[in-house]
Amino acid sequence: MNSACCRKFPALVLLLMILWGCAPQPEGKIRVLFDTDTNNELDDQHALAYLLQNDDIFEVEAVTVNATHSGGGIEEQYAEAKRVMRLVGKLGVCPLLKGADRSFDEIREHLGEEYYDGIDAVEYIIERANASGEEKLVVIAVGKLTNIALALEKAPEISRNIRLVWLGSNYPDPGEYNLENDIEAMNFILSTDVPFEMVLVRYGKGDGTDAVRISRAEIHEKMSGWADRLKASITGRDGGEYFNFGEYSISLFEHSELHGPEESRALFDMAAVAIVKNPAWAVSREIPAPYYENNAWTIFPDNARTILIWDQFNRDAIVEDFFNTLTGNPES
């Protein structure tokens, strides 16, 4: 299309750009692709709702799902993500795509085939990374790292266009759910040059996302004030009927095991989204990239490959923004 035509028919040009999938991004927004095992516990759902309701901050280019050991297979993970997107009135604002059911090592040898496990999510991650201009695509991963590792294996050149922020690990201590669901995927990513940030969990300690906890009483108090209602109810994973995410949030807390004297749960994944929104809500530092084997971290002090780790989360600031964002005025 020549420049004269662009000047004469600007509306037509914009329409064609949208149809071709290359519409200009809203200025000032952070381009995000969100990768999640949505049906695992209850923090993924709250992280997704928080991300989507921050639409003045984030331009969400896709939600991709993967399957971890809890929460069922890829269909259940997909169904829960779809349910949350509908309950916050955001279904259709971006693609929702199925990713890997199995592990990185099981899938990687099939990447050259016409079809492979996780193809929809993996190919779209590659596409959106290649669409990056000067601004990197921020991939916020809050489950296993399989989808992103597969994308980097198939198209290693996308590493320069991605900033990968992963909720995972208890570093320098061993273990953690997301890590253990696909250790090979994480180690592969650590061997690449993609900018990689680990938002630490650190179970039972005060400096990881485990400290970003919300009690059942707080959820009842805050989320019952959700203003808008859908015209038709959505069936939750527990079989109940819900008209907005506030009702569903309360139900998720009611149907989940809570911990501690205040009966609370950590919203690990939501904290990962929060520090992308406002990095001042945690502390980051650069370390030489480690490697994980035999249930322990191996440290390489002279490793030229470095990553960022995040800890020291400002629980009160994050939780206050979470409630302010979600109980504002969601679309119906």
C-alpha atoms as a PDB file:
ATOM      1  CA  MET A   1       0.000   0.000   0.000  1.00  0.00           C
ATOM      2  CA  ASN A   2       1.573   3.314  -1.033  1.00  0.00           C
ATOM      3  CA  SER A   3       1.911   6.382   1.164  1.00  0.00           C
ATOM      4  CA  ALA A   4      -0.568   8.445  -0.843  1.00  0.00           C
ATOM      5  CA  CYS A   5      -3.253   5.842  -0.258  1.00  0.00           C
ATOM      6  CA  CYS A   6      -2.382   5.779   3.455  1.00  0.00           C
ATOM      7  CA  ARG A   7      -2.875   9.533   3.687  1.00  0.00           C
ATOM      8  CA  LYS A   8      -6.112   9.514   1.692  1.00  0.00           C
ATOM      9  CA  PHE A   9      -7.800   6.589   3.425  1.00  0.00           C
ATOM     10  CA  PRO A  10      -6.475   6.411   7.004  1.00  0.00           C
ATOM     11  CA  ALA A  11      -9.513   4.551   8.342  1.00  0.00           C
ATOM     12  CA  LEU A  12      -9.173   1.919   5.629  1.00  0.00           C
ATOM     13  CA  VAL A  13      -5.497   1.493   6.457  1.00  0.00           C
ATOM     14  CA  LEU A  14      -6.259   0.998  10.158  1.00  0.00           C
ATOM     15  CA  LEU A  15      -8.961  -1.557   9.336  1.00  0.00           C
ATOM     16  CA  LEU A  16      -6.581  -3.516   7.120  1.00  0.00           C
ATOM     17  CA  MET A  17      -3.890  -3.410   9.792  1.00  0.00           C
ATOM     18  CA  ILE A  18      -6.319  -4.849  12.326  1.00  0.00           C
ATOM     19  CA  LEU A  19      -7.402  -7.594   9.907  1.00  0.00           C
ATOM     20  CA  TRP A  20      -3.772  -8.427   9.205  1.00  0.00           C
ATOM     21  CA  GLY A  21      -3.025  -8.604  12.932  1.00  0.00           C
ATOM     22  CA  CYS A  22      -0.594  -5.680  12.922  1.00  0.00           C
ATOM     23  CA  ALA A  23      -2.611  -2.854  14.426  1.00  0.00           C
ATOM     24  CA  PRO A  24      -0.482  -0.282  16.248  1.00  0.00           C
ATOM     25  CA  GLN A  25      -0.188  -0.796  19.991  1.00  0.00           C
ATOM     26  CA  PRO A  26      -1.696   1.799  22.341  1.00  0.00           C
ATOM     27  CA  GLU A  27       1.079   4.135  23.410  1.00  0.00           C
ATOM     28  CA  GLY A  28       2.565   3.645  26.836  1.00  0.00           C
ATOM     29  CA  LYS A  29       1.101   0.207  27.536  1.00  0.00           C
ATOM     30  CA  ILE A  30       3.212  -2.818  28.440  1.00  0.00           C
ATOM     31  CA  ARG A  31       2.897  -5.606  25.880  1.00  0.00           C
ATOM     32  CA  VAL A  32       2.191  -8.824  27.776  1.00  0.00           C
ATOM     33  CA  LEU A  33       1.634 -12.478  26.980  1.00  0.00           C
ATOM     34  CA  PHE A  34       0.371 -14.396  30.028  1.00  0.00           C
ATOM     35  CA  ASP A  35       1.222 -18.106  30.358  1.00  0.00           C
ATOM     36  CA  THR A  36      -0.646 -19.959  33.089  1.00  0.00           C
ATOM     37  CA  ASP A  37      -1.825 -23.278  34.557  1.00  0.00           C
ATOM     38  CA  THR A  38      -5.107 -21.605  35.429  1.00  0.00           C
ATOM     39  CA  ASN A  39      -6.929 -24.493  37.057  1.00  0.00           C
ATOM     40  CA  ASN A  40      -4.141 -25.460  39.444  1.00  0.00           C
ATOM     41  CA  GLU A  41      -5.002 -23.651  42.697  1.00  0.00           C
ATOM     42  CA  LEU A  42      -6.569 -20.201  43.119  1.00  0.00           C
ATOM     43  CA  ASP A  43      -3.735 -17.728  42.575  1.00  0.00           C
ATOM     44  CA  ASP A  44      -3.679 -18.131  38.772  1.00  0.00           C
ATOM     45  CA  GLN A  45      -7.302 -17.018  38.487  1.00  0.00           C
ATOM     46  CA  HIS A  46      -6.697 -13.924  40.598  1.00  0.00           C
ATOM     47  CA  ALA A  47      -3.527 -13.083  38.667  1.00  0.00           C
ATOM     48  CA  LEU A  48      -5.364 -13.332  35.345  1.00  0.00           C
ATOM     49  CA  ALA A  49      -8.275 -11.212  36.565  1.00  0.00           C
ATOM     50  CA  TYR A  50      -5.865  -8.596  37.958  1.00  0.00           C
ATOM     51  CA  LEU A  51      -3.900  -8.496  34.702  1.00  0.00           C
ATOM     52  CA  LEU A  52      -6.994  -8.093  32.533  1.00  0.00           C
ATOM     53  CA  GLN A  53      -8.499  -5.398  34.758  1.00  0.00           C
ATOM     54  CA  ASN A  54      -5.275  -3.394  34.484  1.00  0.00           C
ATOM     55  CA  ASP A  55      -6.051  -2.647  30.845  1.00  0.00           C
ATOM     56  CA  ASP A  56      -4.819   0.917  31.205  1.00  0.00           C
ATOM     57  CA  ILE A  57      -1.361  -0.507  32.004  1.00  0.00           C
ATOM     58  CA  PHE A  58      -1.137  -3.744  30.007  1.00  0.00           C
ATOM     59  CA  GLU A  59      -1.841  -4.598  26.392  1.00  0.00           C
ATOM     60  CA  VAL A  60      -2.512  -8.319  26.781  1.00  0.00           C
ATOM     61  CA  GLU A  61      -1.636  -9.962  23.483  1.00  0.00           C
ATOM     62  CA  ALA A  62      -2.604 -13.499  24.478  1.00  0.00           C
ATOM     63  CA  VAL A  63      -3.347 -15.843  27.335  1.00  0.00           C
ATOM     64  CA  THR A  64      -1.740 -19.263  26.888  1.00  0.00           C
ATOM     65  CA  VAL A  65      -2.340 -22.230  29.158  1.00  0.00           C
ATOM     66  CA  ASN A  66      -0.344 -25.299  30.129  1.00  0.00           C
ATOM     67  CA  ALA A  67      -1.089 -28.333  32.274  1.00  0.00           C
ATOM     68  CA  THR A  68       0.741 -29.065  35.522  1.00  0.00           C
ATOM     69  CA  HIS A  69       0.303 -31.987  37.912  1.00  0.00           C
ATOM     70  CA  SER A  70      -2.747 -30.495  39.664  1.00  0.00           C
ATOM     71  CA  GLY A  71      -5.896 -29.116  38.110  1.00  0.00           C
ATOM     72  CA  GLY A  72      -6.401 -31.618  35.318  1.00  0.00           C
ATOM     73  CA  GLY A  73      -5.255 -31.641  31.712  1.00  0.00           C
ATOM     74  CA  ILE A  74      -5.101 -28.894  29.152  1.00  0.00           C
ATOM     75  CA  GLU A  75      -8.873 -28.820  28.590  1.00  0.00           C
ATOM     76  CA  GLU A  76      -9.534 -28.080  32.269  1.00  0.00           C
ATOM     77  CA  GLN A  77      -6.821 -25.418  32.311  1.00  0.00           C
ATOM     78  CA  TYR A  78      -8.303 -23.803  29.194  1.00  0.00           C
ATOM     79  CA  ALA A  79     -11.856 -23.946  30.561  1.00  0.00           C
ATOM     80  CA  GLU A  80     -10.844 -22.186  33.783  1.00  0.00           C
ATOM     81  CA  ALA A  81      -9.009 -19.409  31.933  1.00  0.00           C
ATOM     82  CA  LYS A  82     -12.039 -18.906  29.695  1.00  0.00           C
ATOM     83  CA  ARG A  83     -14.309 -18.818  32.751  1.00  0.00           C
ATOM     84  CA  VAL A  84     -12.229 -16.090  34.430  1.00  0.00           C
ATOM     85  CA  MET A  85     -12.034 -14.013  31.252  1.00  0.00           C
ATOM     86  CA  ARG A  86     -15.819 -14.133  30.927  1.00  0.00           C
ATOM     87  CA  LEU A  87     -16.381 -13.253  34.577  1.00  0.00           C
ATOM     88  CA  VAL A  88     -14.297 -10.060  34.243  1.00  0.00           C
ATOM     89  CA  GLY A  89     -15.933  -9.200  30.923  1.00  0.00           C
ATOM     90  CA  LYS A  90     -12.721  -9.634  28.917  1.00  0.00           C
ATOM     91  CA  LEU A  91     -13.320 -12.784  26.883  1.00  0.00           C
ATOM     92  CA  GLY A  92     -12.396 -11.971  23.281  1.00  0.00           C
ATOM     93  CA  VAL A  93     -10.075  -9.053  24.019  1.00  0.00           C
ATOM     94  CA  CYS A  94      -7.128 -11.312  23.156  1.00  0.00           C
ATOM     95  CA  PRO A  95      -6.570 -14.890  21.989  1.00  0.00           C
ATOM     96  CA  LEU A  96      -6.837 -17.697  24.542  1.00  0.00           C
ATOM     97  CA  LEU A  97      -4.676 -20.597  23.385  1.00  0.00           C
ATOM     98  CA  LYS A  98      -3.928 -24.139  24.515  1.00  0.00           C
ATOM     99  CA  GLY A  99      -0.311 -25.001  25.212  1.00  0.00           C
ATOM    100  CA  ALA A 100       1.663 -27.987  26.410  1.00  0.00           C
ATOM    101  CA  ASP A 101       0.118 -30.903  28.244  1.00  0.00           C
ATOM    102  CA  ARG A 102       3.408 -32.811  28.517  1.00  0.00           C
ATOM    103  CA  SER A 103       6.984 -31.796  29.335  1.00  0.00           C
ATOM    104  CA  PHE A 104       9.673 -30.006  27.332  1.00  0.00           C
ATOM    105  CA  ASP A 105      11.815 -33.111  26.816  1.00  0.00           C
ATOM    106  CA  GLU A 106       8.802 -35.120  25.641  1.00  0.00           C
ATOM    107  CA  ILE A 107       7.762 -32.508  23.073  1.00  0.00           C
ATOM    108  CA  ARG A 108      10.961 -30.879  21.774  1.00  0.00           C
ATOM    109  CA  GLU A 109      11.846 -33.674  19.323  1.00  0.00           C
ATOM    110  CA  HIS A 110       8.451 -33.220  17.620  1.00  0.00           C
ATOM    111  CA  LEU A 111       8.735 -29.474  16.930  1.00  0.00           C
ATOM    112  CA  GLY A 112       9.410 -30.059  13.236  1.00  0.00           C
ATOM    113  CA  GLU A 113       6.225 -32.062  12.757  1.00  0.00           C
ATOM    114  CA  GLU A 114       2.974 -30.702  11.338  1.00  0.00           C
ATOM    115  CA  TYR A 115       1.327 -31.021  14.738  1.00  0.00           C
ATOM    116  CA  TYR A 116       2.837 -31.256  18.215  1.00  0.00           C
ATOM    117  CA  ASP A 117       1.603 -30.913  21.790  1.00  0.00           C
ATOM    118  CA  GLY A 118       1.242 -27.209  22.596  1.00  0.00           C
ATOM    119  CA  ILE A 119       1.473 -25.985  19.006  1.00  0.00           C
ATOM    120  CA  ASP A 120      -1.150 -23.216  19.277  1.00  0.00           C
ATOM    121  CA  ALA A 121       0.516 -21.476  22.216  1.00  0.00           C
ATOM    122  CA  VAL A 122       4.098 -22.065  21.075  1.00  0.00           C
ATOM    123  CA  GLU A 123       3.568 -20.770  17.537  1.00  0.00           C
ATOM    124  CA  TYR A 124       1.722 -17.718  18.826  1.00  0.00           C
ATOM    125  CA  ILE A 125       4.489 -16.886  21.299  1.00  0.00           C
ATOM    126  CA  ILE A 126       6.924 -16.964  18.377  1.00  0.00           C
ATOM    127  CA  GLU A 127       4.622 -14.827  16.240  1.00  0.00           C
ATOM    128  CA  ARG A 128       4.123 -12.132  18.864  1.00  0.00           C
ATOM    129  CA  ALA A 129       7.816 -12.070  19.773  1.00  0.00           C
ATOM    130  CA  ASN A 130       8.680 -11.573  16.105  1.00  0.00           C
ATOM    131  CA  ALA A 131       6.151  -8.734  15.978  1.00  0.00           C
ATOM    132  CA  SER A 132       8.096  -6.831  18.613  1.00  0.00           C
ATOM    133  CA  GLY A 133       9.544  -3.483  17.683  1.00  0.00           C
ATOM    134  CA  GLU A 134      11.757  -1.549  20.053  1.00  0.00           C
ATOM    135  CA  GLU A 135       9.670  -2.666  23.030  1.00  0.00           C
ATOM    136  CA  LYS A 136      10.112  -6.266  24.153  1.00  0.00           C
ATOM    137  CA  LEU A 137       7.172  -8.589  24.616  1.00  0.00           C
ATOM    138  CA  VAL A 138       6.875  -9.283  28.349  1.00  0.00           C
ATOM    139  CA  VAL A 139       6.026 -12.941  28.880  1.00  0.00           C
ATOM    140  CA  ILE A 140       4.640 -13.409  32.390  1.00  0.00           C
ATOM    141  CA  ALA A 141       4.767 -17.133  33.101  1.00  0.00           C
ATOM    142  CA  VAL A 142       3.086 -18.395  36.262  1.00  0.00           C
ATOM    143  CA  GLY A 143       3.199 -22.150  35.717  1.00  0.00           C
ATOM    144  CA  LYS A 144       5.748 -24.522  34.246  1.00  0.00           C
ATOM    145  CA  LEU A 145       8.022 -23.030  31.576  1.00  0.00           C
ATOM    146  CA  THR A 146       7.300 -25.590  28.863  1.00  0.00           C
ATOM    147  CA  ASN A 147       5.552 -23.327  26.338  1.00  0.00           C
ATOM    148  CA  ILE A 148       8.268 -20.686  26.447  1.00  0.00           C
ATOM    149  CA  ALA A 149      11.123 -23.205  26.341  1.00  0.00           C
ATOM    150  CA  LEU A 150       9.593 -24.843  23.271  1.00  0.00           C
ATOM    151  CA  ALA A 151       9.228 -21.473  21.548  1.00  0.00           C
ATOM    152  CA  LEU A 152      12.885 -20.649  22.264  1.00  0.00           C
ATOM    153  CA  GLU A 153      13.985 -24.093  21.058  1.00  0.00           C
ATOM    154  CA  LYS A 154      12.085 -23.719  17.785  1.00  0.00           C
ATOM    155  CA  ALA A 155      12.946 -20.047  17.188  1.00  0.00           C
ATOM    156  CA  PRO A 156      15.997 -19.081  19.282  1.00  0.00           C
ATOM    157  CA  GLU A 157      16.182 -15.670  17.611  1.00  0.00           C
ATOM    158  CA  ILE A 158      13.097 -14.508  19.545  1.00  0.00           C
ATOM    159  CA  SER A 159      15.177 -14.314  22.740  1.00  0.00           C
ATOM    160  CA  ARG A 160      16.191 -10.757  21.831  1.00  0.00           C
ATOM    161  CA  ASN A 161      12.533  -9.703  21.650  1.00  0.00           C
ATOM    162  CA  ILE A 162      11.306 -11.181  24.947  1.00  0.00           C
ATOM    163  CA  ARG A 163      11.521 -10.279  28.607  1.00  0.00           C
ATOM    164  CA  LEU A 164      10.585 -13.427  30.527  1.00  0.00           C
ATOM    165  CA  VAL A 165       9.199 -12.945  34.049  1.00  0.00           C
ATOM    166  CA  TRP A 166       8.584 -16.279  35.778  1.00  0.00           C
ATOM    167  CA  LEU A 167       6.861 -16.967  39.073  1.00  0.00           C
ATOM    168  CA  GLY A 168       8.903 -19.883  40.303  1.00  0.00           C
ATOM    169  CA  SER A 169      11.571 -21.433  42.554  1.00  0.00           C
ATOM    170  CA  ASN A 170      12.630 -21.048  46.154  1.00  0.00           C
ATOM    171  CA  TYR A 171      16.150 -20.059  45.099  1.00  0.00           C
ATOM    172  CA  PRO A 172      18.657 -20.639  46.655  1.00  0.00           C
ATOM    173  CA  ASP A 173      16.655 -23.332  48.443  1.00  0.00           C
ATOM    174  CA  PRO A 174      15.405 -26.390  46.512  1.00  0.00           C
ATOM    175  CA  GLY A 175      11.904 -27.238  45.377  1.00  0.00           C
ATOM    176  CA  GLU A 176       8.811 -25.283  44.354  1.00  0.00           C
ATOM    177  CA  TYR A 177       5.800 -26.442  42.357  1.00  0.00           C
ATOM    178  CA  ASN A 178       6.326 -24.635  39.031  1.00  0.00           C
ATOM    179  CA  LEU A 179      10.004 -25.584  38.945  1.00  0.00           C
ATOM    180  CA  GLU A 180       9.348 -29.255  39.675  1.00  0.00           C
ATOM    181  CA  ASN A 181       6.697 -29.539  36.962  1.00  0.00           C
ATOM    182  CA  ASP A 182       9.329 -29.135  34.230  1.00  0.00           C
ATOM    183  CA  ILE A 183      12.894 -28.787  35.493  1.00  0.00           C
ATOM    184  CA  GLU A 184      14.302 -29.446  32.015  1.00  0.00           C
ATOM    185  CA  ALA A 185      12.375 -26.488  30.558  1.00  0.00           C
ATOM    186  CA  MET A 186      13.748 -24.153  33.220  1.00  0.00           C
ATOM    187  CA  ASN A 187      17.316 -25.391  32.801  1.00  0.00           C
ATOM    188  CA  PHE A 188      17.044 -25.005  29.035  1.00  0.00           C
ATOM    189  CA  ILE A 189      15.918 -21.381  29.442  1.00  0.00           C
ATOM    190  CA  LEU A 190      18.791 -20.753  31.846  1.00  0.00           C
ATOM    191  CA  SER A 191      21.133 -21.933  29.072  1.00  0.00           C
ATOM    192  CA  THR A 192      19.770 -19.412  26.545  1.00  0.00           C
ATOM    193  CA  ASP A 193      20.373 -15.678  26.393  1.00  0.00           C
ATOM    194  CA  VAL A 194      16.736 -14.615  26.877  1.00  0.00           C
ATOM    195  CA  PRO A 195      16.357 -11.946  29.607  1.00  0.00           C
ATOM    196  CA  PHE A 196      15.043 -14.048  32.484  1.00  0.00           C
ATOM    197  CA  GLU A 197      13.609 -12.891  35.817  1.00  0.00           C
ATOM    198  CA  MET A 198      12.608 -15.254  38.624  1.00  0.00           C
ATOM    199  CA  VAL A 199       9.909 -13.972  40.962  1.00  0.00           C
ATOM    200  CA  LEU A 200      10.728 -16.078  44.003  1.00  0.00           C
ATOM    201  CA  VAL A 201       8.214 -18.083  46.038  1.00  0.00           C
ATOM    202  CA  ARG A 202      10.165 -19.147  49.167  1.00  0.00           C
ATOM    203  CA  TYR A 203       7.493 -21.122  50.990  1.00  0.00           C
ATOM    204  CA  GLY A 204       7.137 -20.193  54.634  1.00  0.00           C
ATOM    205  CA  LYS A 205       9.487 -17.234  54.496  1.00  0.00           C
ATOM    206  CA  GLY A 206       8.761 -13.536  54.649  1.00  0.00           C
ATOM    207  CA  ASP A 207      10.735 -12.383  51.642  1.00  0.00           C
ATOM    208  CA  GLY A 208       9.109 -14.318  48.769  1.00  0.00           C
ATOM    209  CA  THR A 209       5.672 -14.167  47.152  1.00  0.00           C
ATOM    210  CA  ASP A 210       4.483 -16.606  49.824  1.00  0.00           C
ATOM    211  CA  ALA A 211       4.235 -13.490  52.011  1.00  0.00           C
ATOM    212  CA  VAL A 212       1.693 -11.862  49.655  1.00  0.00           C
ATOM    213  CA  ARG A 213      -1.198 -13.489  51.479  1.00  0.00           C
ATOM    214  CA  ILE A 214      -4.907 -12.686  51.604  1.00  0.00           C
ATOM    215  CA  SER A 215      -7.303 -14.038  54.191  1.00  0.00           C
ATOM    216  CA  ARG A 216     -10.753 -15.442  53.602  1.00  0.00           C
ATOM    217  CA  ALA A 217     -12.167 -12.564  55.671  1.00  0.00           C
ATOM    218  CA  GLU A 218     -10.488  -9.984  53.413  1.00  0.00           C
ATOM    219  CA  ILE A 219     -11.842 -11.681  50.291  1.00  0.00           C
ATOM    220  CA  HIS A 220     -15.369 -11.709  51.714  1.00  0.00           C
ATOM    221  CA  GLU A 221     -15.138  -8.057  52.706  1.00  0.00           C
ATOM    222  CA  LYS A 222     -13.647  -6.719  49.483  1.00  0.00           C
ATOM    223  CA  MET A 223     -14.882  -8.952  46.691  1.00  0.00           C
ATOM    224  CA  SER A 224     -18.539  -8.903  47.719  1.00  0.00           C
ATOM    225  CA  GLY A 225     -18.550  -5.281  46.544  1.00  0.00           C
ATOM    226  CA  TRP A 226     -18.014  -6.176  42.878  1.00  0.00           C
ATOM    227  CA  ALA A 227     -20.298  -3.771  41.048  1.00  0.00           C
ATOM    228  CA  ASP A 228     -21.267  -5.359  37.722  1.00  0.00           C
ATOM    229  CA  ARG A 229     -23.068  -8.579  36.884  1.00  0.00           C
ATOM    230  CA  LEU A 230     -23.185 -10.602  33.693  1.00  0.00           C
ATOM    231  CA  LYS A 231     -26.591 -11.084  32.112  1.00  0.00           C
ATOM    232  CA  ALA A 232     -26.213 -14.858  32.330  1.00  0.00           C
ATOM    233  CA  SER A 233     -24.379 -16.854  34.978  1.00  0.00           C
ATOM    234  CA  ILE A 234     -21.143 -18.779  34.451  1.00  0.00           C
ATOM    235  CA  THR A 235     -20.756 -22.275  35.882  1.00  0.00           C
ATOM    236  CA  GLY A 236     -17.673 -22.481  38.101  1.00  0.00           C
ATOM    237  CA  ARG A 237     -15.346 -25.436  38.400  1.00  0.00           C
ATOM    238  CA  ASP A 238     -17.200 -26.379  41.584  1.00  0.00           C
ATOM    239  CA  GLY A 239     -20.535 -26.469  39.743  1.00  0.00           C
ATOM    240  CA  GLY A 240     -21.865 -23.237  41.254  1.00  0.00           C
ATOM    241  CA  GLU A 241     -23.317 -20.355  39.247  1.00  0.00           C
ATOM    242  CA  TYR A 242     -21.576 -16.954  39.237  1.00  0.00           C
ATOM    243  CA  PHE A 243     -22.369 -13.561  37.726  1.00  0.00           C
ATOM    244  CA  ASN A 244     -19.017 -11.835  38.290  1.00  0.00           C
ATOM    245  CA  PHE A 245     -15.478 -12.569  39.368  1.00  0.00           C
ATOM    246  CA  GLY A 246     -16.100 -11.218  42.877  1.00  0.00           C
ATOM    247  CA  GLU A 247     -18.551 -14.038  43.560  1.00  0.00           C
ATOM    248  CA  TYR A 248     -16.185 -16.577  42.037  1.00  0.00           C
ATOM    249  CA  SER A 249     -13.216 -15.299  44.027  1.00  0.00           C
ATOM    250  CA  ILE A 250     -15.120 -15.787  47.271  1.00  0.00           C
ATOM    251  CA  SER A 251     -16.063 -19.303  46.167  1.00  0.00           C
ATOM    252  CA  LEU A 252     -12.463 -20.186  45.274  1.00  0.00           C
ATOM    253  CA  PHE A 253     -11.395 -19.251  48.800  1.00  0.00           C
ATOM    254  CA  GLU A 254     -14.333 -21.152  50.286  1.00  0.00           C
ATOM    255  CA  HIS A 255     -13.414 -24.325  48.395  1.00  0.00           C
ATOM    256  CA  SER A 256      -9.644 -24.201  48.969  1.00  0.00           C
ATOM    257  CA  GLU A 257      -7.512 -25.259  51.893  1.00  0.00           C
ATOM    258  CA  LEU A 258      -6.348 -22.183  53.786  1.00  0.00           C
ATOM    259  CA  HIS A 259      -3.334 -21.864  56.042  1.00  0.00           C
ATOM    260  CA  GLY A 260      -2.317 -20.135  59.245  1.00  0.00           C
ATOM    261  CA  PRO A 261      -4.301 -18.548  62.080  1.00  0.00           C
ATOM    262  CA  GLU A 262      -5.847 -16.021  59.690  1.00  0.00           C
ATOM    263  CA  GLU A 263      -6.909 -18.739  57.211  1.00  0.00           C
ATOM    264  CA  SER A 264      -5.111 -17.185  54.262  1.00  0.00           C
ATOM    265  CA  ARG A 265      -3.676 -18.117  50.882  1.00  0.00           C
ATOM    266  CA  ALA A 266      -0.712 -16.621  49.056  1.00  0.00           C
ATOM    267  CA  LEU A 267      -1.507 -15.054  45.681  1.00  0.00           C
ATOM    268  CA  PHE A 268       1.930 -15.899  44.292  1.00  0.00           C
ATOM    269  CA  ASP A 269       1.062 -15.374  40.636  1.00  0.00           C
ATOM    270  CA  MET A 270      -0.706 -12.077  41.198  1.00  0.00           C
ATOM    271  CA  ALA A 271       2.468 -10.698  42.787  1.00  0.00           C
ATOM    272  CA  ALA A 272       4.385 -11.494  39.595  1.00  0.00           C
ATOM    273  CA  VAL A 273       1.957  -9.365  37.603  1.00  0.00           C
ATOM    274  CA  ALA A 274       2.118  -6.618  40.231  1.00  0.00           C
ATOM    275  CA  ILE A 275       5.892  -6.152  40.051  1.00  0.00           C
ATOM    276  CA  VAL A 276       5.740  -5.825  36.263  1.00  0.00           C
ATOM    277  CA  LYS A 277       3.172  -3.088  36.808  1.00  0.00           C
ATOM    278  CA  ASN A 278       5.240  -1.400  39.536  1.00  0.00           C
ATOM    279  CA  PRO A 279       8.813  -2.655  40.077  1.00  0.00           C
ATOM    280  CA  ALA A 280       9.026  -0.564  43.266  1.00  0.00           C
ATOM    281  CA  TRP A 281       6.853  -3.165  45.012  1.00  0.00           C
ATOM    282  CA  ALA A 282       9.776  -5.605  45.280  1.00  0.00           C
ATOM    283  CA  VAL A 283      13.559  -5.727  45.148  1.00  0.00           C
ATOM    284  CA  SER A 284      15.478  -7.175  42.221  1.00  0.00           C
ATOM    285  CA  ARG A 285      19.109  -8.085  41.862  1.00  0.00           C
ATOM    286  CA  GLU A 286      21.300  -9.659  39.221  1.00  0.00           C
ATOM    287  CA  ILE A 287      22.963 -13.021  39.832  1.00  0.00           C
ATOM    288  CA  PRO A 288      25.011 -15.419  37.691  1.00  0.00           C
ATOM    289  CA  ALA A 289      22.647 -17.948  36.121  1.00  0.00           C
ATOM    290  CA  PRO A 290      22.541 -21.135  38.220  1.00  0.00           C
ATOM    291  CA  TYR A 291      21.571 -24.674  37.198  1.00  0.00           C
ATOM    292  CA  TYR A 292      19.215 -27.101  38.963  1.00  0.00           C
ATOM    293  CA  GLU A 293      20.021 -30.799  39.307  1.00  0.00           C
ATOM    294  CA  ASN A 294      19.713 -33.535  41.915  1.00  0.00           C
ATOM    295  CA  ASN A 295      17.192 -31.420  43.840  1.00  0.00           C
ATOM    296  CA  ALA A 296      19.665 -28.589  44.402  1.00  0.00           C
ATOM    297  CA  TRP A 297      20.937 -25.421  42.797  1.00  0.00           C
ATOM    298  CA  THR A 298      24.446 -25.389  41.386  1.00  0.00           C
ATOM    299  CA  ILE A 299      25.967 -21.911  41.536  1.00  0.00           C
ATOM    300  CA  PHE A 300      28.461 -20.661  38.945  1.00  0.00           C
ATOM    301  CA  PRO A 301      29.929 -17.434  40.379  1.00  0.00           C
ATOM    302  CA  ASP A 302      31.831 -16.631  37.162  1.00  0.00           C
ATOM    303  CA  ASN A 303      28.962 -17.335  34.786  1.00  0.00           C
ATOM    304  CA  ALA A 304      28.691 -14.494  32.235  1.00  0.00           C
ATOM    305  CA  ARG A 305      25.036 -15.391  31.740  1.00  0.00           C
ATOM    306  CA  THR A 306      23.055 -13.468  34.363  1.00  0.00           C
ATOM    307  CA  ILE A 307      19.420 -13.375  35.440  1.00  0.00           C
ATOM    308  CA  LEU A 308      17.342 -11.242  37.804  1.00  0.00           C
ATOM    309  CA  ILE A 309      15.700 -12.503  40.962  1.00  0.00           C
ATOM    310  CA  TRP A 310      12.880 -10.690  42.787  1.00  0.00           C
ATOM    311  CA  ASP A 311      12.127 -10.824  46.510  1.00  0.00           C
ATOM    312  CA  GLN A 312      11.228  -8.513  49.436  1.00  0.00           C
ATOM    313  CA  PHE A 313       7.672  -7.937  48.200  1.00  0.00           C
ATOM    314  CA  ASN A 314       5.636  -5.043  49.567  1.00  0.00           C
ATOM    315  CA  ARG A 315       2.643  -7.114  50.535  1.00  0.00           C
ATOM    316  CA  ASP A 316       0.436  -4.225  51.683  1.00  0.00           C
ATOM    317  CA  ALA A 317       0.973  -2.104  48.556  1.00  0.00           C
ATOM    318  CA  ILE A 318       0.399  -5.069  46.235  1.00  0.00           C
ATOM    319  CA  VAL A 319      -2.761  -6.243  48.003  1.00  0.00           C
ATOM    320  CA  GLU A 320      -4.184  -2.722  48.187  1.00  0.00           C
ATOM    321  CA  ASP A 321      -3.681  -2.258  44.447  1.00  0.00           C
ATOM    322  CA  PHE A 322      -5.128  -5.700  43.774  1.00  0.00           C
ATOM    323  CA  PHE A 323      -8.380  -4.890  45.556  1.00  0.00           C
ATOM    324  CA  ASN A 324      -8.582  -1.364  44.150  1.00  0.00           C
ATOM    325  CA  THR A 325      -8.134  -2.696  40.629  1.00  0.00           C
ATOM    326  CA  LEU A 326     -10.563  -5.589  40.852  1.00  0.00           C
ATOM    327  CA  THR A 327     -13.372  -3.888  42.742  1.00  0.00           C
ATOM    328  CA  GLY A 328     -13.377  -0.759  40.587  1.00  0.00           C
ATOM    329  CA  ASN A 329     -15.654  -0.948  37.588  1.00  0.00           C
ATOM    330  CA  PRO A 330     -15.164  -4.156  35.574  1.00  0.00           C
ATOM    331  CA  GLU A 331     -16.894  -4.400  32.231  1.00  0.00           C
ATOM    332  CA  SER A 332     -20.030  -6.489  32.075  1.00  0.00           C
END
